[in-house]
Amino acid sequence: MNKKTTIVIPKDPNDPEDFDVSVAGLERGLMGRRIRMLRNRLGMSQDEFARAYGIPLANIRQYEIGRHMPPPAVRAYLKVIAAEPELAAKAIADAA
């Protein structure tokens, strides 16, 4: 299965602005949702989250809208943030 070309949600033929959603697109969207939910759980704006955890703001925005999938290292880091947000923020602050 090719995740980029396998369509999981076909476009609506009656909507000229709609488009097919691939498996990869769906995975990016779900990851974006998880990042947004984590950020909201922590009560942070995108800018606050980016500064606290050393992830570029532009990247956070792209991940949350599902345009890009975070690379594996960032996905692992997000798991650390979810499990230990204070320690992760402290580690970044101490490194600066």
Protein backbone atom coordinates (compact mmCIF):
# COMPACT_ATOMS: atom_id res chain seq x y z
CA MET A 1 0.00 0.00 0.00
CA ASN A 2 1.33 3.43 -0.95
CA LYS A 3 0.21 5.84 1.77
CA LYS A 4 0.59 8.85 -0.51
CA THR A 5 -1.68 7.53 -3.24
CA THR A 6 -4.14 5.28 -1.41
CA ILE A 7 -7.31 7.33 -0.98
CA VAL A 8 -9.26 6.90 2.25
CA ILE A 9 -11.72 9.75 1.71
CA PRO A 10 -12.63 10.51 -1.91
CA LYS A 11 -13.38 14.08 -2.94
CA ASP A 12 -16.99 15.15 -3.26
CA PRO A 13 -17.65 15.46 -7.02
CA ASN A 14 -20.23 18.17 -6.29
CA ASP A 15 -17.73 20.36 -4.43
CA PRO A 16 -15.11 21.98 -6.71
CA GLU A 17 -12.96 22.93 -3.70
CA ASP A 18 -12.89 19.44 -2.16
CA PHE A 19 -10.02 17.00 -2.65
CA ASP A 20 -9.12 13.36 -2.06
CA VAL A 21 -7.55 12.50 1.29
CA SER A 22 -4.78 9.92 1.22
CA VAL A 23 -3.72 7.63 4.04
CA ALA A 24 -0.66 9.85 4.54
CA GLY A 25 -2.85 12.96 4.63
CA LEU A 26 -5.14 11.39 7.19
CA GLU A 27 -2.14 10.39 9.34
CA ARG A 28 -0.78 13.96 9.16
CA GLY A 29 -4.17 15.35 10.16
CA LEU A 30 -4.48 12.99 13.11
CA MET A 31 -0.95 13.84 14.28
CA GLY A 32 -1.79 17.53 14.02
CA ARG A 33 -4.87 16.96 16.16
CA ARG A 34 -2.80 15.14 18.80
CA ILE A 35 -0.28 18.00 18.91
CA ARG A 36 -3.05 20.60 19.22
CA MET A 37 -4.74 18.58 21.96
CA LEU A 38 -1.45 18.27 23.87
CA ARG A 39 -0.81 21.99 23.55
CA ASN A 40 -4.35 22.79 24.69
CA ARG A 41 -4.05 20.36 27.61
CA LEU A 42 -0.98 22.32 28.69
CA GLY A 43 -2.91 25.59 28.28
CA MET A 44 -0.41 27.01 25.81
CA SER A 45 -0.66 29.00 22.61
CA GLN A 46 1.31 27.81 19.60
CA ASP A 47 3.93 30.48 20.31
CA GLU A 48 4.23 29.54 23.99
CA PHE A 49 4.52 25.84 23.15
CA ALA A 50 7.16 26.51 20.51
CA ARG A 51 9.26 28.66 22.85
CA ALA A 52 8.89 26.32 25.85
CA TYR A 53 9.96 23.22 23.93
CA GLY A 54 12.35 24.61 21.32
CA ILE A 55 10.29 23.63 18.30
CA PRO A 56 10.07 26.34 15.62
CA LEU A 57 6.67 28.05 15.60
CA ALA A 58 6.34 27.63 11.84
CA ASN A 59 6.80 23.87 12.27
CA ILE A 60 4.14 23.69 15.00
CA ARG A 61 1.72 25.48 12.68
CA GLN A 62 2.50 23.15 9.76
CA TYR A 63 2.13 20.05 11.94
CA GLU A 64 -1.17 21.20 13.43
CA ILE A 65 -2.81 21.87 10.07
CA GLY A 66 -1.58 18.53 8.76
CA ARG A 67 0.60 19.95 6.03
CA HIS A 68 3.71 18.14 7.29
CA MET A 69 4.29 15.09 9.46
CA PRO A 70 6.85 15.71 12.20
CA PRO A 71 10.01 13.65 11.70
CA PRO A 72 10.45 10.60 13.96
CA ALA A 73 12.71 12.45 16.44
CA VAL A 74 10.11 15.20 16.92
CA ARG A 75 7.34 12.62 17.33
CA ALA A 76 9.43 10.94 20.05
CA TYR A 77 10.06 14.32 21.70
CA LEU A 78 6.33 15.07 21.68
CA LYS A 79 5.78 11.81 23.60
CA VAL A 80 8.29 13.00 26.19
CA ILE A 81 6.52 16.37 26.42
CA ALA A 82 3.18 14.61 26.88
CA ALA A 83 4.58 12.43 29.67
CA GLU A 84 6.78 15.00 31.43
CA PRO A 85 5.99 18.53 30.23
CA GLU A 86 7.72 20.34 33.11
CA LEU A 87 10.91 18.31 32.86
CA ALA A 88 11.05 18.74 29.07
CA ALA A 89 10.58 22.52 29.36
CA LYS A 90 13.22 22.69 32.11
CA ALA A 91 15.71 20.71 30.03
CA ILE A 92 15.27 23.13 27.12
CA ALA A 93 15.53 26.18 29.41
CA ASP A 94 18.69 24.79 31.05
CA ALA A 95 20.29 24.17 27.66
CA ALA A 96 19.75 27.77 26.53
